[in-house]
C-alpha atoms as a PDB file:
ATOM      1  CA  MET A   1     -21.450 -19.333  46.495  1.00  0.00           C
ATOM      2  CA  HIS A   2     -21.738 -15.694  45.373  1.00  0.00           C
ATOM      3  CA  ARG A   3     -17.961 -15.581  44.978  1.00  0.00           C
ATOM      4  CA  ARG A   4     -17.914 -18.590  42.819  1.00  0.00           C
ATOM      5  CA  TRP A   5     -20.519 -17.065  40.371  1.00  0.00           C
ATOM      6  CA  GLN A   6     -18.606 -13.831  40.262  1.00  0.00           C
ATOM      7  CA  PHE A   7     -15.265 -15.958  39.329  1.00  0.00           C
ATOM      8  CA  ARG A   8     -17.148 -17.742  36.475  1.00  0.00           C
ATOM      9  CA  THR A   9     -18.726 -14.652  34.956  1.00  0.00           C
ATOM     10  CA  VAL A  10     -15.421 -12.836  35.118  1.00  0.00           C
ATOM     11  CA  SER A  11     -13.623 -15.905  33.672  1.00  0.00           C
ATOM     12  CA  ARG A  12     -16.182 -16.192  30.869  1.00  0.00           C
ATOM     13  CA  ALA A  13     -15.849 -12.594  29.925  1.00  0.00           C
ATOM     14  CA  ILE A  14     -12.202 -12.735  29.699  1.00  0.00           C
ATOM     15  CA  ILE A  15     -12.391 -15.827  27.514  1.00  0.00           C
ATOM     16  CA  VAL A  16     -15.037 -14.176  25.227  1.00  0.00           C
ATOM     17  CA  ALA A  17     -12.892 -11.054  25.056  1.00  0.00           C
ATOM     18  CA  LEU A  18      -9.694 -13.083  23.998  1.00  0.00           C
ATOM     19  CA  LEU A  19     -11.730 -15.042  21.406  1.00  0.00           C
ATOM     20  CA  PHE A  20     -13.009 -11.702  19.917  1.00  0.00           C
ATOM     21  CA  ALA A  21      -9.241 -10.283  19.991  1.00  0.00           C
ATOM     22  CA  LEU A  22      -7.719 -13.216  18.388  1.00  0.00           C
ATOM     23  CA  PRO A  23      -9.413 -12.915  14.761  1.00  0.00           C
ATOM     24  CA  PHE A  24      -9.093  -9.069  14.920  1.00  0.00           C
ATOM     25  CA  ARG A  25      -5.256  -9.361  15.407  1.00  0.00           C
ATOM     26  CA  GLY A  26      -4.966 -11.739  12.322  1.00  0.00           C
ATOM     27  CA  SER A  27      -7.144  -9.506  10.244  1.00  0.00           C
ATOM     28  CA  LEU A  28      -5.235  -6.405  11.406  1.00  0.00           C
ATOM     29  CA  ALA A  29      -1.923  -7.728  10.071  1.00  0.00           C
ATOM     30  CA  GLN A  30      -3.638  -8.641   6.794  1.00  0.00           C
ATOM     31  CA  SER A  31      -5.008  -5.206   6.418  1.00  0.00           C
ATOM     32  CA  THR A  32      -1.639  -3.818   6.471  1.00  0.00           C
ATOM     33  CA  TRP A  33      -0.744  -5.328   3.104  1.00  0.00           C
ATOM     34  CA  ASP A  34      -4.334  -4.792   1.955  1.00  0.00           C
ATOM     35  CA  ARG A  35      -4.018  -1.005   2.034  1.00  0.00           C
ATOM     36  CA  TYR A  36      -1.307  -0.986  -0.678  1.00  0.00           C
ATOM     37  CA  GLN A  37      -3.546  -0.287  -3.897  1.00  0.00           C
ATOM     38  CA  PRO A  38      -2.336  -0.874  -7.262  1.00  0.00           C
ATOM     39  CA  GLY A  39      -1.061   2.310  -8.972  1.00  0.00           C
ATOM     40  CA  THR A  40       2.027   3.761 -10.215  1.00  0.00           C
ATOM     41  CA  LEU A  41       4.977   5.986  -8.528  1.00  0.00           C
ATOM     42  CA  THR A  42       4.319   8.534 -11.475  1.00  0.00           C
ATOM     43  CA  ALA A  43       0.801   9.052 -10.755  1.00  0.00           C
ATOM     44  CA  ALA A  44       1.302   9.266  -6.802  1.00  0.00           C
ATOM     45  CA  THR A  45       4.224  11.831  -7.362  1.00  0.00           C
ATOM     46  CA  SER A  46       2.484  13.658  -9.746  1.00  0.00           C
ATOM     47  CA  ALA A  47      -0.578  14.179  -7.743  1.00  0.00           C
ATOM     48  CA  ALA A  48       1.546  15.105  -4.675  1.00  0.00           C
ATOM     49  CA  ASP A  49       3.610  17.633  -6.824  1.00  0.00           C
ATOM     50  CA  SER A  50       0.540  19.475  -7.727  1.00  0.00           C
ATOM     51  CA  ILE A  51      -0.393  19.844  -3.931  1.00  0.00           C
ATOM     52  CA  ILE A  52       3.094  21.033  -3.214  1.00  0.00           C
ATOM     53  CA  ARG A  53       3.393  23.390  -5.774  1.00  0.00           C
ATOM     54  CA  GLN A  54       0.018  24.815  -4.903  1.00  0.00           C
ATOM     55  CA  SER A  55       1.081  25.222  -1.349  1.00  0.00           C
ATOM     56  CA  LEU A  56       4.180  27.007  -2.523  1.00  0.00           C
ATOM     57  CA  ILE A  57       2.092  29.509  -4.523  1.00  0.00           C
ATOM     58  CA  GLU A  58      -0.089  30.019  -1.471  1.00  0.00           C
ATOM     59  CA  VAL A  59       3.153  30.883   0.653  1.00  0.00           C
ATOM     60  CA  PRO A  60       5.560  32.443  -1.684  1.00  0.00           C
ATOM     61  CA  ASP A  61       8.783  32.464   0.360  1.00  0.00           C
ATOM     62  CA  LYS A  62      11.552  30.717  -1.425  1.00  0.00           C
ATOM     63  CA  HIS A  63      12.734  28.832   1.661  1.00  0.00           C
ATOM     64  CA  PRO A  64      13.224  25.187   1.370  1.00  0.00           C
ATOM     65  CA  SER A  65      10.168  23.359   2.681  1.00  0.00           C
ATOM     66  CA  GLU A  66       9.412  19.905   3.670  1.00  0.00           C
ATOM     67  CA  HIS A  67       6.181  18.165   3.236  1.00  0.00           C
ATOM     68  CA  PHE A  68       4.928  15.018   5.014  1.00  0.00           C
ATOM     69  CA  PHE A  69       1.999  12.711   4.050  1.00  0.00           C
ATOM     70  CA  GLY A  70       0.192  11.495   7.056  1.00  0.00           C
ATOM     71  CA  ASP A  71      -1.983   9.321   4.976  1.00  0.00           C
ATOM     72  CA  LYS A  72       0.940   7.183   4.059  1.00  0.00           C
ATOM     73  CA  ARG A  73       0.174   6.793   0.280  1.00  0.00           C
ATOM     74  CA  ALA A  74       0.443   2.958   0.084  1.00  0.00           C
ATOM     75  CA  ILE A  75       0.920   1.854  -3.525  1.00  0.00           C
ATOM     76  CA  LEU A  76       1.436  -1.533  -5.088  1.00  0.00           C
ATOM     77  CA  ALA A  77       3.551  -0.468  -8.089  1.00  0.00           C
ATOM     78  CA  THR A  78       4.848  -2.664 -10.826  1.00  0.00           C
ATOM     79  CA  VAL A  79       8.352  -1.606 -12.102  1.00  0.00           C
ATOM     80  CA  ILE A  80      11.478  -2.953 -13.496  1.00  0.00           C
ATOM     81  CA  TYR A  81      14.584  -3.676 -11.293  1.00  0.00           C
ATOM     82  CA  LYS A  82      17.536  -2.180 -12.815  1.00  0.00           C
ATOM     83  CA  GLY A  83      20.159  -3.796 -10.502  1.00  0.00           C
ATOM     84  CA  ASP A  84      21.915  -0.579  -9.332  1.00  0.00           C
ATOM     85  CA  SER A  85      22.140   0.744  -5.864  1.00  0.00           C
ATOM     86  CA  ARG A  86      23.754   3.535  -3.991  1.00  0.00           C
ATOM     87  CA  PRO A  87      23.790   4.888  -0.395  1.00  0.00           C
ATOM     88  CA  ILE A  88      20.604   6.668   0.461  1.00  0.00           C
ATOM     89  CA  ASN A  89      20.416  10.269  -0.421  1.00  0.00           C
ATOM     90  CA  PRO A  90      20.792  12.191   2.788  1.00  0.00           C
ATOM     91  CA  ILE A  91      17.855  14.286   2.320  1.00  0.00           C
ATOM     92  CA  LYS A  92      15.523  11.163   1.939  1.00  0.00           C
ATOM     93  CA  HIS A  93      17.120   9.706   4.788  1.00  0.00           C
ATOM     94  CA  GLN A  94      16.405  12.767   6.946  1.00  0.00           C
ATOM     95  CA  LEU A  95      12.776  12.887   5.600  1.00  0.00           C
ATOM     96  CA  ILE A  96      12.352   9.208   6.679  1.00  0.00           C
ATOM     97  CA  ALA A  97      13.439  10.046   9.979  1.00  0.00           C
ATOM     98  CA  ARG A  98      11.516  13.441  10.323  1.00  0.00           C
ATOM     99  CA  TRP A  99       8.379  11.557   9.014  1.00  0.00           C
ATOM    100  CA  GLY A 100       8.911   8.750  11.623  1.00  0.00           C
ATOM    101  CA  MET A 101       9.220  11.301  14.452  1.00  0.00           C
ATOM    102  CA  SER A 102       6.099  13.364  13.187  1.00  0.00           C
ATOM    103  CA  ILE A 103       3.639  10.710  12.245  1.00  0.00           C
ATOM    104  CA  LEU A 104       4.711   7.393  14.106  1.00  0.00           C
ATOM    105  CA  ARG A 105       6.500   9.296  17.118  1.00  0.00           C
ATOM    106  CA  ASP A 106       9.374   7.413  16.667  1.00  0.00           C
ATOM    107  CA  SER A 107      12.454   8.417  14.184  1.00  0.00           C
ATOM    108  CA  SER A 108      14.144   4.899  14.664  1.00  0.00           C
ATOM    109  CA  ILE A 109      12.638   3.796  11.184  1.00  0.00           C
ATOM    110  CA  ALA A 110      15.393   5.539   9.384  1.00  0.00           C
ATOM    111  CA  ALA A 111      17.971   3.055  10.804  1.00  0.00           C
ATOM    112  CA  ASP A 112      16.392   0.396   8.389  1.00  0.00           C
ATOM    113  CA  PHE A 113      17.354   2.364   5.206  1.00  0.00           C
ATOM    114  CA  HIS A 114      21.091   2.691   4.057  1.00  0.00           C
ATOM    115  CA  ARG A 115      20.624   2.012   0.530  1.00  0.00           C
ATOM    116  CA  GLU A 116      18.476   3.046  -2.560  1.00  0.00           C
ATOM    117  CA  TYR A 117      17.842   0.943  -5.483  1.00  0.00           C
ATOM    118  CA  LEU A 118      17.070   2.155  -9.080  1.00  0.00           C
ATOM    119  CA  PHE A 119      13.873   0.954 -10.642  1.00  0.00           C
ATOM    120  CA  GLN A 120      12.113   2.117 -13.963  1.00  0.00           C
ATOM    121  CA  GLU A 121       8.595   2.844 -14.435  1.00  0.00           C
ATOM    122  CA  GLY A 122       7.720   3.434 -18.142  1.00  0.00           C
ATOM    123  CA  ASP A 123      10.316   6.082 -19.216  1.00  0.00           C
ATOM    124  CA  LYS A 124      10.993   7.280 -15.638  1.00  0.00           C
ATOM    125  CA  LEU A 125      13.873   6.147 -13.361  1.00  0.00           C
ATOM    126  CA  PHE A 126      13.279   6.145  -9.682  1.00  0.00           C
ATOM    127  CA  TRP A 127      15.850   5.643  -6.893  1.00  0.00           C
ATOM    128  CA  LEU A 128      13.964   4.220  -3.952  1.00  0.00           C
ATOM    129  CA  PRO A 129      15.094   3.550  -0.512  1.00  0.00           C
ATOM    130  CA  VAL A 130      14.568  -0.069   0.570  1.00  0.00           C
ATOM    131  CA  GLN A 131      14.331  -1.475   3.891  1.00  0.00           C
ATOM    132  CA  ASP A 132      17.623  -3.341   4.747  1.00  0.00           C
ATOM    133  CA  PRO A 133      16.183  -6.722   5.501  1.00  0.00           C
ATOM    134  CA  VAL A 134      13.799  -6.656   2.259  1.00  0.00           C
ATOM    135  CA  ALA A 135      17.097  -5.575   0.123  1.00  0.00           C
ATOM    136  CA  THR A 136      18.909  -8.726   1.508  1.00  0.00           C
ATOM    137  CA  TYR A 137      16.635 -10.871  -0.759  1.00  0.00           C
ATOM    138  CA  PHE A 138      17.399  -8.845  -3.885  1.00  0.00           C
ATOM    139  CA  PRO A 139      20.393 -10.602  -5.009  1.00  0.00           C
ATOM    140  CA  LYS A 140      18.674 -14.123  -4.140  1.00  0.00           C
ATOM    141  CA  GLU A 141      15.292 -13.459  -6.024  1.00  0.00           C
ATOM    142  CA  LEU A 142      15.856 -10.417  -8.601  1.00  0.00           C
ATOM    143  CA  ARG A 143      17.678  -9.886 -11.870  1.00  0.00           C
ATOM    144  CA  PRO A 144      18.388  -6.594 -13.827  1.00  0.00           C
ATOM    145  CA  GLY A 145      15.384  -6.349 -16.178  1.00  0.00           C
ATOM    146  CA  GLN A 146      13.152  -8.273 -14.021  1.00  0.00           C
ATOM    147  CA  ALA A 147       9.608  -7.178 -13.325  1.00  0.00           C
ATOM    148  CA  VAL A 148       8.817  -6.517  -9.547  1.00  0.00           C
ATOM    149  CA  SER A 149       5.753  -5.481  -7.522  1.00  0.00           C
ATOM    150  CA  LEU A 150       6.842  -3.048  -4.891  1.00  0.00           C
ATOM    151  CA  PHE A 151       4.925  -2.191  -1.834  1.00  0.00           C
ATOM    152  CA  VAL A 152       6.084   1.583  -1.668  1.00  0.00           C
ATOM    153  CA  MET A 153       4.588   4.267   0.504  1.00  0.00           C
ATOM    154  CA  LEU A 154       5.210   7.960  -0.658  1.00  0.00           C
ATOM    155  CA  ILE A 155       5.811   9.687   2.728  1.00  0.00           C
ATOM    156  CA  ALA A 156       7.301  13.008   2.301  1.00  0.00           C
ATOM    157  CA  ALA A 157       9.108  15.649   0.161  1.00  0.00           C
ATOM    158  CA  TYR A 158      11.613  18.176   0.161  1.00  0.00           C
ATOM    159  CA  SER A 159      11.249  21.379  -1.992  1.00  0.00           C
ATOM    160  CA  GLU A 160      13.862  23.603  -2.971  1.00  0.00           C
ATOM    161  CA  ASP A 161      14.325  26.004  -5.878  1.00  0.00           C
ATOM    162  CA  ASP A 162      11.250  24.264  -7.531  1.00  0.00           C
ATOM    163  CA  VAL A 163      13.076  20.928  -7.258  1.00  0.00           C
ATOM    164  CA  ILE A 164      11.210  18.209  -5.400  1.00  0.00           C
ATOM    165  CA  THR A 165      13.028  15.131  -3.752  1.00  0.00           C
ATOM    166  CA  TRP A 166      10.616  12.362  -3.133  1.00  0.00           C
ATOM    167  CA  ALA A 167      10.872  10.264  -0.011  1.00  0.00           C
ATOM    168  CA  THR A 168       9.393   6.762  -0.588  1.00  0.00           C
ATOM    169  CA  ILE A 169      10.026   3.570   1.186  1.00  0.00           C
ATOM    170  CA  VAL A 170       9.785   0.109  -0.118  1.00  0.00           C
ATOM    171  CA  ASN A 171       8.541  -2.457   2.517  1.00  0.00           C
ATOM    172  CA  GLU A 172       8.134  -5.320   0.709  1.00  0.00           C
ATOM    173  CA  PHE A 173       8.223  -6.818  -3.081  1.00  0.00           C
ATOM    174  CA  LYS A 174       7.101  -9.784  -5.170  1.00  0.00           C
ATOM    175  CA  ALA A 175       9.362 -10.836  -7.860  1.00  0.00           C
ATOM    176  CA  GLY A 176       7.812 -11.356 -11.409  1.00  0.00           C
ATOM    177  CA  PRO A 177       9.211 -13.324 -14.348  1.00  0.00           C
ATOM    178  CA  VAL A 178      12.664 -12.287 -15.744  1.00  0.00           C
ATOM    179  CA  ALA A 179      12.203 -10.118 -18.759  1.00  0.00           C
ATOM    180  CA  ARG A 180      13.746 -11.433 -22.085  1.00  0.00           C
ATOM    181  CA  THR A 181      16.285  -9.379 -23.950  1.00  0.00           C
ATOM    182  CA  TYR A 182      16.422  -9.544 -27.547  1.00  0.00           C
END
C-alpha cells in the first residue's frame, strides 16, 4: 500500500510539473519576438557609437578594437528594401562568429550568413547581413522600394582608424505595402 501511494504521489508531481512547463515553453518562444522593440538602426548605432568612442578615449591606443553587445540590442526597424545584395563583409562575418562564440558559446551562427542586403532608413543606407533561410523569401515577398519591418539585432562593432563597422543580424521580416513611384 505504501509503495502504491508513493507511485501516485510521484506520478502526480510529474504531471503537475509537465503542465507548468508546457505553457512556459510556449510563452518563451513568444517572448523571443517580443524582445524586439520598435526603433531605428540610426538611433541604435548612434547610441553604440558614443559608447565605443568614449571607450577609445579612455584607452587611447590606436589599435583596432572589437566591441560585443551582450544585451543583443533587438530592434524592430521599418526600412525600405533597395533590392541589392552582395557577399557579406568579411569583418562582419568574423564579428558574427566571434559574437556567437563569446555570447552563445557557439560560433556556428555565422554559417547562416553569406549575404548582406541594402536597406534605407531615412537618408541612410545600411548593408545588413540576413540569415540565409530568411533571405530566401526576399524574392517572393519583397520588391525594391517596398517598406519592410526587420527584426534586427545590433551585436557587435569593429573600430579602426575612427571608422566603425557595425555587425547586425536580420532574423526575420514583415513585408509592408509596395511604395508607389511617381
